């Protein structure tokens, strides 16, 4: 499983999007506004959380045995979400 299956899943979601949106508009209930708003807020918070975790870095400090390069930074950023 590689990028091909991800592309197929994405294509399936995009293909169903017009049908889902038309179904959502046709079944709109104004009394459920706060439920829709809560769902939208949870979706946005989830996306922001995934982006935050995916882009996370941790700075690791290290010491060299001798100062061969005095201008060399002694810190290295490591990705937290390495594969």
N, C-alpha and C. Protein backbone atom coordinates (compact mmCIF):
# COMPACT_ATOMS: atom_id res chain seq x y z
N UNK A 1 0.85 -1.18 0.00
CA UNK A 1 0.00 0.00 0.00
C UNK A 1 0.89 1.23 0.00
N UNK A 2 0.70 2.05 -0.96
CA UNK A 2 1.52 3.25 -1.06
C UNK A 2 0.68 4.46 -1.38
N UNK A 3 1.24 5.34 -2.16
CA UNK A 3 0.54 6.57 -2.52
C UNK A 3 -0.66 6.31 -3.41
N UNK A 4 -0.68 5.20 -4.11
CA UNK A 4 -1.79 4.90 -5.01
C UNK A 4 -3.09 4.70 -4.27
N UNK A 5 -3.07 3.96 -3.16
CA UNK A 5 -4.29 3.72 -2.40
C UNK A 5 -4.77 5.01 -1.74
N UNK A 6 -3.84 5.84 -1.30
CA UNK A 6 -4.23 7.14 -0.72
C UNK A 6 -4.93 8.00 -1.77
N UNK A 7 -4.42 7.97 -2.98
CA UNK A 7 -5.04 8.74 -4.06
C UNK A 7 -6.43 8.22 -4.38
N UNK A 8 -6.61 6.91 -4.37
CA UNK A 8 -7.94 6.33 -4.62
C UNK A 8 -8.93 6.72 -3.53
N UNK A 9 -8.50 6.70 -2.29
CA UNK A 9 -9.38 7.11 -1.19
C UNK A 9 -9.75 8.58 -1.35
N UNK A 10 -8.76 9.43 -1.65
CA UNK A 10 -9.02 10.85 -1.85
C UNK A 10 -9.99 11.08 -3.00
N UNK A 11 -9.80 10.35 -4.09
CA UNK A 11 -10.69 10.50 -5.25
C UNK A 11 -12.12 10.09 -4.90
N UNK A 12 -12.27 9.05 -4.10
CA UNK A 12 -13.60 8.63 -3.67
C UNK A 12 -14.28 9.67 -2.80
N UNK A 13 -13.52 10.30 -1.91
CA UNK A 13 -14.09 11.35 -1.05
C UNK A 13 -14.50 12.54 -1.90
N UNK A 14 -13.65 12.96 -2.82
CA UNK A 14 -13.95 14.12 -3.67
C UNK A 14 -15.15 13.82 -4.57
N UNK A 15 -15.26 12.60 -5.06
CA UNK A 15 -16.38 12.24 -5.94
C UNK A 15 -17.71 12.28 -5.20
N UNK A 16 -17.71 11.95 -3.91
CA UNK A 16 -18.94 11.95 -3.13
C UNK A 16 -19.28 13.32 -2.54
N UNK A 17 -18.37 14.26 -2.63
CA UNK A 17 -18.58 15.57 -2.02
C UNK A 17 -19.81 16.31 -2.55
N UNK A 18 -20.05 16.41 -3.85
CA UNK A 18 -21.26 17.12 -4.31
C UNK A 18 -22.55 16.47 -3.81
N UNK A 19 -22.60 15.15 -3.80
CA UNK A 19 -23.79 14.47 -3.30
C UNK A 19 -24.00 14.74 -1.82
N UNK A 20 -22.93 14.69 -1.06
CA UNK A 20 -23.03 14.93 0.38
C UNK A 20 -23.46 16.36 0.67
N UNK A 21 -22.91 17.32 -0.06
CA UNK A 21 -23.29 18.72 0.17
C UNK A 21 -24.74 18.98 -0.22
N UNK A 22 -25.20 18.41 -1.32
CA UNK A 22 -26.60 18.61 -1.70
C UNK A 22 -27.54 17.95 -0.69
N UNK A 23 -27.16 16.79 -0.17
CA UNK A 23 -27.97 16.14 0.86
C UNK A 23 -27.99 16.98 2.14
N UNK A 24 -26.86 17.58 2.49
CA UNK A 24 -26.79 18.41 3.68
C UNK A 24 -27.67 19.65 3.54
N UNK A 25 -27.63 20.29 2.37
CA UNK A 25 -28.44 21.49 2.15
C UNK A 25 -29.93 21.15 2.13
N UNK A 26 -30.29 20.02 1.56
CA UNK A 26 -31.71 19.66 1.48
C UNK A 26 -32.28 19.24 2.83
N UNK A 27 -31.44 18.78 3.74
CA UNK A 27 -31.93 18.37 5.07
C UNK A 27 -31.57 19.37 6.15
N UNK A 28 -31.28 20.61 5.78
CA UNK A 28 -30.89 21.64 6.74
C UNK A 28 -32.02 21.89 7.73
N UNK A 29 -31.69 21.87 9.01
CA UNK A 29 -32.66 22.14 10.07
C UNK A 29 -32.11 23.27 10.93
N UNK A 30 -32.72 24.46 10.89
CA UNK A 30 -32.19 25.59 11.65
C UNK A 30 -32.12 25.34 13.15
N UNK A 31 -32.96 24.47 13.68
CA UNK A 31 -32.92 24.21 15.12
C UNK A 31 -31.66 23.43 15.52
N UNK A 32 -30.98 22.83 14.56
CA UNK A 32 -29.76 22.08 14.83
C UNK A 32 -28.49 22.89 14.55
N UNK A 33 -28.63 24.22 14.51
CA UNK A 33 -27.50 25.08 14.16
C UNK A 33 -26.31 24.87 15.09
N UNK A 34 -26.56 24.81 16.40
CA UNK A 34 -25.46 24.68 17.35
C UNK A 34 -24.79 23.31 17.24
N UNK A 35 -25.52 22.29 16.85
CA UNK A 35 -24.91 20.98 16.61
C UNK A 35 -23.98 21.05 15.41
N UNK A 36 -24.42 21.70 14.34
CA UNK A 36 -23.56 21.87 13.16
C UNK A 36 -22.33 22.70 13.50
N UNK A 37 -22.53 23.75 14.28
CA UNK A 37 -21.42 24.61 14.67
C UNK A 37 -20.42 23.85 15.53
N UNK A 38 -20.91 23.05 16.46
CA UNK A 38 -20.02 22.25 17.31
C UNK A 38 -19.22 21.25 16.47
N UNK A 39 -19.87 20.62 15.51
CA UNK A 39 -19.17 19.69 14.63
C UNK A 39 -18.08 20.40 13.84
N UNK A 40 -18.38 21.59 13.33
CA UNK A 40 -17.39 22.36 12.58
C UNK A 40 -16.20 22.74 13.46
N UNK A 41 -16.46 23.16 14.69
CA UNK A 41 -15.38 23.53 15.60
C UNK A 41 -14.51 22.33 15.93
N UNK A 42 -15.13 21.19 16.20
CA UNK A 42 -14.36 19.97 16.50
C UNK A 42 -13.52 19.56 15.30
N UNK A 43 -14.06 19.68 14.09
CA UNK A 43 -13.30 19.32 12.89
C UNK A 43 -12.09 20.24 12.72
N UNK A 44 -12.27 21.53 12.93
CA UNK A 44 -11.16 22.48 12.78
C UNK A 44 -10.10 22.23 13.84
N UNK A 45 -10.51 22.00 15.09
CA UNK A 45 -9.55 21.72 16.16
C UNK A 45 -8.78 20.44 15.86
N UNK A 46 -9.44 19.44 15.33
CA UNK A 46 -8.77 18.19 14.98
C UNK A 46 -7.73 18.41 13.89
N UNK A 47 -8.08 19.16 12.87
CA UNK A 47 -7.13 19.44 11.78
C UNK A 47 -5.93 20.22 12.29
N UNK A 48 -6.17 21.23 13.13
CA UNK A 48 -5.07 22.02 13.69
C UNK A 48 -4.19 21.13 14.57
N UNK A 49 -4.78 20.24 15.34
CA UNK A 49 -4.00 19.33 16.18
C UNK A 49 -3.13 18.39 15.37
N UNK A 50 -3.66 17.86 14.29
CA UNK A 50 -2.88 16.96 13.43
C UNK A 50 -1.72 17.71 12.79
N UNK A 51 -1.96 18.92 12.32
CA UNK A 51 -0.88 19.72 11.73
C UNK A 51 0.18 20.05 12.78
N UNK A 52 -0.24 20.39 13.99
CA UNK A 52 0.69 20.73 15.07
C UNK A 52 1.58 19.54 15.41
N UNK A 53 1.00 18.35 15.54
CA UNK A 53 1.78 17.15 15.86
C UNK A 53 2.68 16.77 14.70
N UNK A 54 2.20 16.91 13.49
CA UNK A 54 2.99 16.53 12.31
C UNK A 54 4.20 17.43 12.13
N UNK A 55 4.08 18.70 12.46
CA UNK A 55 5.18 19.65 12.28
C UNK A 55 6.02 19.84 13.53
N UNK A 56 5.78 19.04 14.56
CA UNK A 56 6.49 19.20 15.83
C UNK A 56 7.97 18.85 15.73
N UNK A 57 8.79 19.61 16.43
CA UNK A 57 10.23 19.36 16.50
C UNK A 57 10.67 19.42 17.95
N UNK A 58 11.73 18.70 18.25
CA UNK A 58 12.33 18.76 19.57
C UNK A 58 13.81 19.07 19.36
N UNK A 59 14.31 20.07 20.07
CA UNK A 59 15.70 20.47 19.95
C UNK A 59 16.53 19.61 20.90
N UNK A 60 17.49 18.86 20.35
CA UNK A 60 18.35 18.00 21.13
C UNK A 60 19.73 18.65 21.21
N UNK A 61 20.22 18.83 22.43
CA UNK A 61 21.56 19.39 22.61
C UNK A 61 22.56 18.25 22.69
N UNK A 62 23.73 18.48 22.15
CA UNK A 62 24.77 17.46 22.19
C UNK A 62 26.12 18.14 22.35
N UNK A 63 27.10 17.36 22.80
CA UNK A 63 28.45 17.88 23.01
C UNK A 63 29.41 17.14 22.09
N UNK A 64 30.31 17.88 21.50
CA UNK A 64 31.35 17.29 20.66
C UNK A 64 32.55 16.94 21.55
N UNK A 65 33.35 15.94 21.18
CA UNK A 65 34.49 15.57 22.02
C UNK A 65 35.55 16.66 22.11
N UNK A 66 35.73 17.41 21.06
CA UNK A 66 36.67 18.54 21.09
C UNK A 66 36.09 19.64 20.21
N UNK A 67 36.37 20.86 20.54
CA UNK A 67 35.80 21.96 19.74
C UNK A 67 36.50 22.12 18.40
N UNK A 68 36.28 21.20 17.50
CA UNK A 68 36.90 21.28 16.18
C UNK A 68 36.35 22.45 15.38
N UNK A 69 35.08 22.67 15.52
CA UNK A 69 34.43 23.77 14.81
C UNK A 69 33.75 24.65 15.85
N UNK A 70 34.41 25.70 16.31
CA UNK A 70 33.81 26.51 17.38
C UNK A 70 32.52 27.21 16.98
N UNK A 71 32.31 27.41 15.69
CA UNK A 71 31.08 28.10 15.27
C UNK A 71 29.93 27.13 15.05
N UNK A 72 30.17 25.83 15.21
CA UNK A 72 29.13 24.82 14.99
C UNK A 72 28.08 24.90 16.09
N UNK A 73 26.85 24.90 15.69
CA UNK A 73 25.77 24.91 16.68
C UNK A 73 25.73 23.57 17.38
N UNK A 74 25.48 23.57 18.65
CA UNK A 74 25.45 22.35 19.44
C UNK A 74 24.03 21.87 19.69
N UNK A 75 23.13 22.25 18.81
CA UNK A 75 21.74 21.81 18.93
C UNK A 75 21.28 21.27 17.59
N UNK A 76 20.44 20.26 17.64
CA UNK A 76 19.94 19.64 16.41
C UNK A 76 18.44 19.45 16.53
N UNK A 77 17.66 19.97 15.59
CA UNK A 77 16.21 19.73 15.64
C UNK A 77 15.86 18.34 15.10
N UNK A 78 15.09 17.59 15.85
CA UNK A 78 14.62 16.28 15.41
C UNK A 78 13.11 16.32 15.27
N UNK A 79 12.64 15.70 14.23
CA UNK A 79 11.19 15.63 14.00
C UNK A 79 10.59 14.67 15.03
N UNK A 80 9.46 15.04 15.59
CA UNK A 80 8.78 14.17 16.54
C UNK A 80 7.98 13.09 15.83
N UNK A 81 7.58 13.35 14.60
CA UNK A 81 6.74 12.41 13.86
C UNK A 81 7.56 11.78 12.74
N UNK A 82 8.58 11.02 13.13
CA UNK A 82 9.45 10.39 12.13
C UNK A 82 8.88 9.03 11.75
N UNK A 83 9.09 8.65 10.50
CA UNK A 83 8.61 7.34 10.05
C UNK A 83 9.76 6.47 9.71
